[in-house]
Amino acid sequence: MQREEHGKPEDKKVELEFVTTAGDVKDSFPPNEPLKTVKLQVMRRLGLDPSQADQFAVLRDGAELDDNKKLAELGLTDGTELFIERREVVKV
């Protein structure tokens, strides 16, 4: 007989709040999800063009986070507030 295990750490989602000029999104996401994937989901929900994702940065406490890292790798915990802001383009 197989026993199901519940409440494994990898099953628990992390509740995050994304703040943008287009609105805010508060939701729970799997900790093993790459930030880039979550950013795309949030942008779609806010009506932002996901093909423009590279032009936007995700910030925590004013520091840009690495989109390629997973939420758990970034140390994101329940209630963390993140900001999605357009990157400044410097023309030379």
N, C-alpha and C. Protein backbone atom coordinates (compact mmCIF):
# COMPACT_ATOMS: atom_id res chain seq x y z
N MET A 1 0.84 -1.19 0.00
CA MET A 1 0.00 0.00 0.00
C MET A 1 0.88 1.24 0.00
N GLN A 2 0.61 2.15 -0.93
CA GLN A 2 1.41 3.36 -1.04
C GLN A 2 0.83 4.45 -0.14
N ARG A 3 1.73 5.14 0.52
CA ARG A 3 1.29 6.20 1.41
C ARG A 3 1.57 7.55 0.77
N GLU A 4 0.56 8.41 0.77
CA GLU A 4 0.76 9.76 0.23
C GLU A 4 1.35 10.64 1.31
N GLU A 5 2.32 11.43 0.91
CA GLU A 5 2.90 12.38 1.86
C GLU A 5 2.38 13.77 1.54
N HIS A 6 1.88 14.41 2.56
CA HIS A 6 1.36 15.77 2.39
C HIS A 6 2.26 16.74 3.16
N GLY A 7 2.25 17.96 2.70
CA GLY A 7 2.97 19.01 3.42
C GLY A 7 4.48 18.97 3.23
N LYS A 8 4.92 18.33 2.16
CA LYS A 8 6.36 18.35 1.89
C LYS A 8 6.76 19.80 1.60
N PRO A 9 7.96 20.19 1.98
CA PRO A 9 8.38 21.59 1.75
C PRO A 9 8.24 22.04 0.31
N GLU A 10 8.51 21.12 -0.65
CA GLU A 10 8.44 21.53 -2.05
C GLU A 10 6.99 21.72 -2.53
N ASP A 11 6.01 21.22 -1.74
CA ASP A 11 4.60 21.38 -2.09
C ASP A 11 4.05 22.73 -1.63
N LYS A 12 4.68 23.33 -0.64
CA LYS A 12 4.18 24.58 -0.07
C LYS A 12 4.49 25.73 -1.03
N LYS A 13 3.47 26.53 -1.28
CA LYS A 13 3.67 27.68 -2.16
C LYS A 13 4.07 28.91 -1.35
N VAL A 14 4.70 29.85 -2.02
CA VAL A 14 5.15 31.09 -1.40
C VAL A 14 4.20 32.21 -1.84
N GLU A 15 3.64 32.92 -0.88
CA GLU A 15 2.74 34.02 -1.21
C GLU A 15 3.56 35.30 -1.40
N LEU A 16 3.46 35.85 -2.62
CA LEU A 16 4.22 37.05 -2.97
C LEU A 16 3.26 38.14 -3.43
N GLU A 17 3.69 39.38 -3.25
CA GLU A 17 2.92 40.51 -3.78
C GLU A 17 3.81 41.26 -4.76
N PHE A 18 3.30 41.38 -5.99
CA PHE A 18 4.01 42.13 -7.03
C PHE A 18 3.35 43.49 -7.18
N VAL A 19 4.14 44.54 -7.11
CA VAL A 19 3.66 45.91 -7.22
C VAL A 19 4.17 46.49 -8.53
N THR A 20 3.25 47.03 -9.34
CA THR A 20 3.64 47.64 -10.61
C THR A 20 2.81 48.90 -10.82
N THR A 21 3.20 49.69 -11.80
CA THR A 21 2.40 50.88 -12.13
C THR A 21 1.08 50.49 -12.79
N ALA A 22 0.99 49.24 -13.31
CA ALA A 22 -0.23 48.76 -13.96
C ALA A 22 -1.19 48.12 -12.96
N GLY A 23 -0.76 47.98 -11.71
CA GLY A 23 -1.59 47.36 -10.68
C GLY A 23 -0.76 46.39 -9.85
N ASP A 24 -1.41 45.77 -8.89
CA ASP A 24 -0.72 44.85 -7.99
C ASP A 24 -1.31 43.45 -8.13
N VAL A 25 -0.48 42.45 -7.90
CA VAL A 25 -0.92 41.06 -7.92
C VAL A 25 -0.38 40.38 -6.66
N LYS A 26 -1.29 39.74 -5.93
CA LYS A 26 -0.90 38.96 -4.75
C LYS A 26 -1.35 37.54 -5.01
N ASP A 27 -0.40 36.58 -4.97
CA ASP A 27 -0.74 35.20 -5.26
C ASP A 27 0.34 34.29 -4.68
N SER A 28 0.07 33.00 -4.74
CA SER A 28 1.03 32.00 -4.27
C SER A 28 1.64 31.27 -5.45
N PHE A 29 2.93 31.01 -5.34
CA PHE A 29 3.68 30.39 -6.42
C PHE A 29 4.56 29.27 -5.86
N PRO A 30 4.82 28.23 -6.66
CA PRO A 30 5.72 27.15 -6.21
C PRO A 30 7.14 27.68 -6.00
N PRO A 31 7.78 27.31 -4.90
CA PRO A 31 9.14 27.81 -4.63
C PRO A 31 10.18 27.35 -5.64
N ASN A 32 9.88 26.27 -6.38
CA ASN A 32 10.85 25.78 -7.36
C ASN A 32 10.63 26.40 -8.74
N GLU A 33 9.75 27.39 -8.82
CA GLU A 33 9.46 28.07 -10.08
C GLU A 33 10.51 29.16 -10.33
N PRO A 34 11.07 29.23 -11.54
CA PRO A 34 12.01 30.33 -11.83
C PRO A 34 11.29 31.68 -11.78
N LEU A 35 11.97 32.69 -11.30
CA LEU A 35 11.38 34.03 -11.21
C LEU A 35 10.91 34.52 -12.57
N LYS A 36 11.63 34.18 -13.63
CA LYS A 36 11.26 34.62 -14.98
C LYS A 36 9.86 34.11 -15.35
N THR A 37 9.55 32.87 -15.02
CA THR A 37 8.24 32.28 -15.30
C THR A 37 7.15 33.01 -14.52
N VAL A 38 7.42 33.29 -13.26
CA VAL A 38 6.45 34.00 -12.42
C VAL A 38 6.23 35.42 -12.95
N LYS A 39 7.32 36.07 -13.34
CA LYS A 39 7.22 37.44 -13.89
C LYS A 39 6.32 37.45 -15.12
N LEU A 40 6.48 36.47 -16.00
CA LEU A 40 5.64 36.38 -17.21
C LEU A 40 4.17 36.19 -16.84
N GLN A 41 3.89 35.34 -15.87
CA GLN A 41 2.51 35.12 -15.43
C GLN A 41 1.89 36.41 -14.90
N VAL A 42 2.64 37.11 -14.07
CA VAL A 42 2.16 38.36 -13.47
C VAL A 42 1.92 39.41 -14.56
N MET A 43 2.85 39.51 -15.50
CA MET A 43 2.70 40.50 -16.58
C MET A 43 1.44 40.22 -17.39
N ARG A 44 1.18 38.94 -17.71
CA ARG A 44 -0.03 38.58 -18.46
C ARG A 44 -1.28 39.00 -17.69
N ARG A 45 -1.29 38.71 -16.40
CA ARG A 45 -2.46 39.03 -15.57
C ARG A 45 -2.72 40.53 -15.49
N LEU A 46 -1.67 41.31 -15.62
CA LEU A 46 -1.81 42.77 -15.56
C LEU A 46 -2.03 43.40 -16.94
N GLY A 47 -2.09 42.55 -17.97
CA GLY A 47 -2.30 43.07 -19.32
C GLY A 47 -1.05 43.66 -19.94
N LEU A 48 0.11 43.31 -19.39
CA LEU A 48 1.38 43.78 -19.96
C LEU A 48 1.86 42.75 -20.98
N ASP A 49 2.51 43.20 -22.01
CA ASP A 49 2.98 42.33 -23.09
C ASP A 49 4.15 41.47 -22.60
N PRO A 50 3.95 40.15 -22.45
CA PRO A 50 5.04 39.31 -21.95
C PRO A 50 6.24 39.24 -22.88
N SER A 51 6.06 39.58 -24.17
CA SER A 51 7.21 39.58 -25.07
C SER A 51 8.18 40.71 -24.72
N GLN A 52 7.73 41.65 -23.91
CA GLN A 52 8.57 42.76 -23.46
C GLN A 52 9.23 42.49 -22.10
N ALA A 53 9.12 41.25 -21.60
CA ALA A 53 9.59 40.91 -20.25
C ALA A 53 11.04 41.30 -19.98
N ASP A 54 11.89 41.20 -21.00
CA ASP A 54 13.31 41.53 -20.80
C ASP A 54 13.53 43.01 -20.51
N GLN A 55 12.53 43.83 -20.81
CA GLN A 55 12.64 45.26 -20.54
C GLN A 55 12.24 45.61 -19.11
N PHE A 56 11.80 44.60 -18.35
CA PHE A 56 11.35 44.83 -16.98
C PHE A 56 12.22 44.05 -16.00
N ALA A 57 12.49 44.66 -14.85
CA ALA A 57 13.27 44.03 -13.79
C ALA A 57 12.36 43.77 -12.60
N VAL A 58 12.67 42.71 -11.86
CA VAL A 58 11.98 42.44 -10.60
C VAL A 58 12.92 42.87 -9.49
N LEU A 59 12.44 43.74 -8.62
CA LEU A 59 13.26 44.31 -7.55
C LEU A 59 12.73 43.93 -6.17
N ARG A 60 13.65 43.72 -5.25
CA ARG A 60 13.31 43.56 -3.83
C ARG A 60 14.23 44.48 -3.06
N ASP A 61 13.65 45.34 -2.28
CA ASP A 61 14.43 46.32 -1.50
C ASP A 61 15.40 47.11 -2.39
N GLY A 62 14.95 47.44 -3.61
CA GLY A 62 15.73 48.26 -4.51
C GLY A 62 16.80 47.52 -5.31
N ALA A 63 16.97 46.21 -5.04
CA ALA A 63 17.98 45.43 -5.75
C ALA A 63 17.31 44.51 -6.77
N GLU A 64 17.89 44.47 -7.98
CA GLU A 64 17.34 43.61 -9.03
C GLU A 64 17.63 42.16 -8.72
N LEU A 65 16.62 41.31 -8.91
CA LEU A 65 16.77 39.88 -8.67
C LEU A 65 17.09 39.17 -9.99
N ASP A 66 17.79 38.04 -9.89
CA ASP A 66 18.16 37.24 -11.05
C ASP A 66 16.95 36.43 -11.51
N ASP A 67 16.43 36.75 -12.70
CA ASP A 67 15.25 36.09 -13.26
C ASP A 67 15.42 34.59 -13.43
N ASN A 68 16.65 34.13 -13.57
CA ASN A 68 16.90 32.72 -13.85
C ASN A 68 16.91 31.85 -12.59
N LYS A 69 16.94 32.48 -11.43
CA LYS A 69 16.94 31.72 -10.18
C LYS A 69 15.51 31.37 -9.77
N LYS A 70 15.40 30.28 -9.03
CA LYS A 70 14.10 29.86 -8.51
C LYS A 70 13.76 30.70 -7.29
N LEU A 71 12.47 30.80 -7.00
CA LEU A 71 12.00 31.62 -5.87
C LEU A 71 12.71 31.22 -4.58
N ALA A 72 12.84 29.91 -4.34
CA ALA A 72 13.50 29.44 -3.12
C ALA A 72 14.97 29.85 -3.08
N GLU A 73 15.64 29.81 -4.23
CA GLU A 73 17.05 30.20 -4.30
C GLU A 73 17.24 31.68 -3.96
N LEU A 74 16.20 32.48 -4.25
CA LEU A 74 16.27 33.91 -3.98
C LEU A 74 15.89 34.23 -2.53
N GLY A 75 15.50 33.21 -1.78
CA GLY A 75 15.14 33.40 -0.38
C GLY A 75 13.82 34.13 -0.19
N LEU A 76 12.93 34.02 -1.18
CA LEU A 76 11.64 34.70 -1.08
C LEU A 76 10.72 33.92 -0.15
N THR A 77 10.09 34.62 0.77
CA THR A 77 9.22 33.99 1.76
C THR A 77 7.83 34.62 1.70
N ASP A 78 6.88 34.00 2.36
CA ASP A 78 5.50 34.51 2.38
C ASP A 78 5.48 35.99 2.75
N GLY A 79 4.72 36.75 1.98
CA GLY A 79 4.54 38.17 2.27
C GLY A 79 5.59 39.07 1.64
N THR A 80 6.56 38.50 0.94
CA THR A 80 7.59 39.33 0.30
C THR A 80 6.94 40.23 -0.75
N GLU A 81 7.31 41.50 -0.73
CA GLU A 81 6.80 42.48 -1.70
C GLU A 81 7.88 42.71 -2.75
N LEU A 82 7.50 42.49 -4.01
CA LEU A 82 8.43 42.67 -5.12
C LEU A 82 7.88 43.74 -6.06
N PHE A 83 8.76 44.41 -6.75
CA PHE A 83 8.37 45.47 -7.68
C PHE A 83 8.81 45.08 -9.08
N ILE A 84 7.92 45.28 -10.04
CA ILE A 84 8.29 45.08 -11.45
C ILE A 84 8.36 46.46 -12.07
N GLU A 85 9.55 46.82 -12.51
CA GLU A 85 9.78 48.15 -13.07
C GLU A 85 10.48 48.04 -14.42
N ARG A 86 10.18 48.99 -15.28
CA ARG A 86 10.84 49.04 -16.59
C ARG A 86 12.31 49.41 -16.38
N ARG A 87 13.17 48.66 -17.04
CA ARG A 87 14.60 48.97 -16.98
C ARG A 87 14.86 50.26 -17.73
N GLU A 88 15.80 51.03 -17.24
CA GLU A 88 16.16 52.26 -17.94
C GLU A 88 17.06 51.90 -19.11
N VAL A 89 16.70 52.42 -20.26
CA VAL A 89 17.49 52.18 -21.46
C VAL A 89 18.43 53.36 -21.66
N VAL A 90 19.71 53.06 -21.70
CA VAL A 90 20.71 54.10 -21.90
C VAL A 90 21.12 54.07 -23.37
N LYS A 91 20.83 55.17 -24.07
CA LYS A 91 21.21 55.24 -25.48
C LYS A 91 22.57 55.91 -25.58
N VAL A 92 23.44 55.32 -26.38
CA VAL A 92 24.79 55.84 -26.53
C VAL A 92 24.90 56.57 -27.85
